[in-house]
Amino acid sequence: MIDEKKLIEKLEDEILRIDTESTPGCGNLYGRDASVMKNTLNFAIDLINEQPKVGEWIPCNERLPEQSLNSVFGYDTFRERCVLVQYYMNNWILGNHETVNIVAWKPLPEPYKGETE
């Protein structure tokens, strides 16, 4: 897993460096000039931004999980806390079938598998 925000920051720093320096050898790097390198880095940033974000909260007005009894983490505004919740039949429910007001959610992490010998 990578920190996409740090990667984007590093790529943006590289774009600024290309802008502010005479980047020695830049014109010869894989036969590309500075503008092509900047376009390529911007393209990479766009691709990263389009990917689903691991571990980030997903606002409900942006996207909902599939309807199932699989649990996700949800932020409940009534209780002002994170809860383990299911999205089922267009409702957010706790394990005791109580409905809650979830405004953002995120999938549970992958289960720990331990080390294989």
C-alpha atoms as a PDB file:
ATOM      1  CA  MET A   1       0.000   0.000   0.000  1.00  0.00           C
ATOM      2  CA  ILE A   2       1.290   3.475  -0.834  1.00  0.00           C
ATOM      3  CA  ASP A   3       0.407   6.932   0.405  1.00  0.00           C
ATOM      4  CA  GLU A   4      -1.025   8.397  -2.794  1.00  0.00           C
ATOM      5  CA  LYS A   5      -1.055  11.925  -1.366  1.00  0.00           C
ATOM      6  CA  LYS A   6       2.711  11.819  -0.746  1.00  0.00           C
ATOM      7  CA  LEU A   7       3.284  10.339  -4.200  1.00  0.00           C
ATOM      8  CA  ILE A   8       1.237  13.110  -5.837  1.00  0.00           C
ATOM      9  CA  GLU A   9       3.130  15.705  -3.783  1.00  0.00           C
ATOM     10  CA  LYS A  10       6.449  14.218  -4.965  1.00  0.00           C
ATOM     11  CA  LEU A  11       5.309  14.256  -8.613  1.00  0.00           C
ATOM     12  CA  GLU A  12       4.116  17.867  -8.291  1.00  0.00           C
ATOM     13  CA  ASP A  13       7.475  18.825  -6.758  1.00  0.00           C
ATOM     14  CA  GLU A  14       9.185  17.235  -9.747  1.00  0.00           C
ATOM     15  CA  ILE A  15       6.996  19.265 -12.135  1.00  0.00           C
ATOM     16  CA  LEU A  16       7.952  22.458 -10.272  1.00  0.00           C
ATOM     17  CA  ARG A  17      11.619  21.455 -10.415  1.00  0.00           C
ATOM     18  CA  ILE A  18      11.352  21.030 -14.172  1.00  0.00           C
ATOM     19  CA  ASP A  19       9.780  24.515 -14.355  1.00  0.00           C
ATOM     20  CA  THR A  20      12.379  26.244 -12.186  1.00  0.00           C
ATOM     21  CA  GLU A  21      15.588  24.466 -13.175  1.00  0.00           C
ATOM     22  CA  SER A  22      17.340  23.976 -16.418  1.00  0.00           C
ATOM     23  CA  THR A  23      17.157  20.239 -15.585  1.00  0.00           C
ATOM     24  CA  PRO A  24      20.485  18.945 -16.890  1.00  0.00           C
ATOM     25  CA  GLY A  25      20.015  16.215 -19.453  1.00  0.00           C
ATOM     26  CA  CYS A  26      16.248  16.681 -19.393  1.00  0.00           C
ATOM     27  CA  GLY A  27      16.105  16.975 -23.154  1.00  0.00           C
ATOM     28  CA  ASN A  28      17.925  13.683 -23.534  1.00  0.00           C
ATOM     29  CA  LEU A  29      16.076  11.686 -20.885  1.00  0.00           C
ATOM     30  CA  TYR A  30      14.524   8.876 -22.927  1.00  0.00           C
ATOM     31  CA  GLY A  31      14.471  11.292 -25.861  1.00  0.00           C
ATOM     32  CA  ARG A  32      11.832  13.522 -24.244  1.00  0.00           C
ATOM     33  CA  ASP A  33      11.855  17.249 -23.589  1.00  0.00           C
ATOM     34  CA  ALA A  34      10.687  19.016 -20.420  1.00  0.00           C
ATOM     35  CA  SER A  35       7.126  19.672 -21.627  1.00  0.00           C
ATOM     36  CA  VAL A  36       6.597  15.995 -22.443  1.00  0.00           C
ATOM     37  CA  MET A  37       7.952  15.035 -19.017  1.00  0.00           C
ATOM     38  CA  LYS A  38       5.568  17.511 -17.333  1.00  0.00           C
ATOM     39  CA  ASN A  39       2.618  16.189 -19.352  1.00  0.00           C
ATOM     40  CA  THR A  40       3.546  12.621 -18.426  1.00  0.00           C
ATOM     41  CA  LEU A  41       3.762  13.483 -14.717  1.00  0.00           C
ATOM     42  CA  ASN A  42       0.391  15.290 -14.872  1.00  0.00           C
ATOM     43  CA  PHE A  43      -1.105  12.239 -16.597  1.00  0.00           C
ATOM     44  CA  ALA A  44       0.262  10.011 -13.802  1.00  0.00           C
ATOM     45  CA  ILE A  45      -1.276  12.323 -11.166  1.00  0.00           C
ATOM     46  CA  ASP A  46      -4.654  12.129 -12.933  1.00  0.00           C
ATOM     47  CA  LEU A  47      -4.461   8.318 -12.989  1.00  0.00           C
ATOM     48  CA  ILE A  48      -3.671   8.203  -9.268  1.00  0.00           C
ATOM     49  CA  ASN A  49      -6.566  10.558  -8.469  1.00  0.00           C
ATOM     50  CA  GLU A  50      -8.995   8.328 -10.398  1.00  0.00           C
ATOM     51  CA  GLN A  51      -8.155   5.243  -8.326  1.00  0.00           C
ATOM     52  CA  PRO A  52     -10.267   4.196  -5.330  1.00  0.00           C
ATOM     53  CA  LYS A  53      -8.589   5.402  -2.160  1.00  0.00           C
ATOM     54  CA  VAL A  54      -7.603   2.751   0.338  1.00  0.00           C
ATOM     55  CA  GLY A  55      -8.643   3.612   3.877  1.00  0.00           C
ATOM     56  CA  GLU A  56     -10.300   6.947   3.105  1.00  0.00           C
ATOM     57  CA  TRP A  57     -13.868   7.847   4.050  1.00  0.00           C
ATOM     58  CA  ILE A  58     -16.370   7.797   1.181  1.00  0.00           C
ATOM     59  CA  PRO A  59     -19.164  10.384   1.524  1.00  0.00           C
ATOM     60  CA  CYS A  60     -22.607   8.786   1.096  1.00  0.00           C
ATOM     61  CA  ASN A  61     -23.620  11.502  -1.357  1.00  0.00           C
ATOM     62  CA  GLU A  62     -20.674  10.426  -3.528  1.00  0.00           C
ATOM     63  CA  ARG A  63     -21.169   6.650  -3.459  1.00  0.00           C
ATOM     64  CA  LEU A  64     -22.883   3.932  -1.415  1.00  0.00           C
ATOM     65  CA  PRO A  65     -21.650   0.389  -0.783  1.00  0.00           C
ATOM     66  CA  GLU A  66     -23.405  -2.524  -2.402  1.00  0.00           C
ATOM     67  CA  GLN A  67     -26.507  -3.609  -0.532  1.00  0.00           C
ATOM     68  CA  SER A  68     -25.627  -6.601   1.611  1.00  0.00           C
ATOM     69  CA  LEU A  69     -25.210  -7.721   5.164  1.00  0.00           C
ATOM     70  CA  ASN A  70     -21.455  -7.258   4.858  1.00  0.00           C
ATOM     71  CA  SER A  71     -20.260  -4.755   7.436  1.00  0.00           C
ATOM     72  CA  VAL A  72     -18.467  -1.478   6.764  1.00  0.00           C
ATOM     73  CA  PHE A  73     -17.312   1.316   9.047  1.00  0.00           C
ATOM     74  CA  GLY A  74     -19.740   4.212   9.072  1.00  0.00           C
ATOM     75  CA  TYR A  75     -19.719   7.626  10.710  1.00  0.00           C
ATOM     76  CA  ASP A  76     -23.006   8.093  12.600  1.00  0.00           C
ATOM     77  CA  THR A  77     -23.930  11.770  13.088  1.00  0.00           C
ATOM     78  CA  PHE A  78     -26.532  10.943  15.789  1.00  0.00           C
ATOM     79  CA  ARG A  79     -23.896   9.420  18.056  1.00  0.00           C
ATOM     80  CA  GLU A  80     -20.950  11.336  16.570  1.00  0.00           C
ATOM     81  CA  ARG A  81     -18.856   8.180  16.350  1.00  0.00           C
ATOM     82  CA  CYS A  82     -17.730   5.405  14.043  1.00  0.00           C
ATOM     83  CA  VAL A  83     -19.867   2.286  14.060  1.00  0.00           C
ATOM     84  CA  LEU A  84     -19.816  -1.112  12.414  1.00  0.00           C
ATOM     85  CA  VAL A  85     -22.860  -1.026  10.138  1.00  0.00           C
ATOM     86  CA  GLN A  86     -24.538  -2.720   7.176  1.00  0.00           C
ATOM     87  CA  TYR A  87     -26.192  -1.060   4.185  1.00  0.00           C
ATOM     88  CA  TYR A  88     -29.251  -3.183   3.430  1.00  0.00           C
ATOM     89  CA  MET A  89     -32.591  -2.418   1.746  1.00  0.00           C
ATOM     90  CA  ASN A  90     -31.575   1.255   1.355  1.00  0.00           C
ATOM     91  CA  ASN A  91     -31.017   1.646   5.110  1.00  0.00           C
ATOM     92  CA  TRP A  92     -27.995   1.801   7.356  1.00  0.00           C
ATOM     93  CA  ILE A  93     -28.491  -0.637  10.215  1.00  0.00           C
ATOM     94  CA  LEU A  94     -26.585  -1.724  13.291  1.00  0.00           C
ATOM     95  CA  GLY A  95     -26.371  -5.358  14.350  1.00  0.00           C
ATOM     96  CA  ASN A  96     -29.460  -4.900  16.546  1.00  0.00           C
ATOM     97  CA  HIS A  97     -31.429  -3.667  13.466  1.00  0.00           C
ATOM     98  CA  GLU A  98     -31.476  -0.088  14.742  1.00  0.00           C
ATOM     99  CA  THR A  99     -31.185   2.461  11.923  1.00  0.00           C
ATOM    100  CA  VAL A 100     -28.455   5.095  12.073  1.00  0.00           C
ATOM    101  CA  ASN A 101     -27.615   8.302  10.196  1.00  0.00           C
ATOM    102  CA  ILE A 102     -24.421   7.473   8.299  1.00  0.00           C
ATOM    103  CA  VAL A 103     -22.836  10.310   6.297  1.00  0.00           C
ATOM    104  CA  ALA A 104     -19.597   8.579   5.260  1.00  0.00           C
ATOM    105  CA  TRP A 105     -18.326   5.009   5.182  1.00  0.00           C
ATOM    106  CA  LYS A 106     -15.291   2.912   4.362  1.00  0.00           C
ATOM    107  CA  PRO A 107     -14.738  -0.784   3.749  1.00  0.00           C
ATOM    108  CA  LEU A 108     -13.256  -2.949   6.444  1.00  0.00           C
ATOM    109  CA  PRO A 109      -9.575  -3.784   6.018  1.00  0.00           C
ATOM    110  CA  GLU A 110      -8.519  -7.153   4.670  1.00  0.00           C
ATOM    111  CA  PRO A 111      -8.323  -9.800   7.417  1.00  0.00           C
ATOM    112  CA  TYR A 112      -4.911 -10.618   8.850  1.00  0.00           C
ATOM    113  CA  LYS A 113      -3.544 -13.753   7.231  1.00  0.00           C
ATOM    114  CA  GLY A 114      -0.377 -14.215   9.263  1.00  0.00           C
ATOM    115  CA  GLU A 115       2.957 -15.272   7.908  1.00  0.00           C
ATOM    116  CA  THR A 116       3.271 -18.370   5.789  1.00  0.00           C
ATOM    117  CA  GLU A 117       6.144 -20.714   6.431  1.00  0.00           C
END
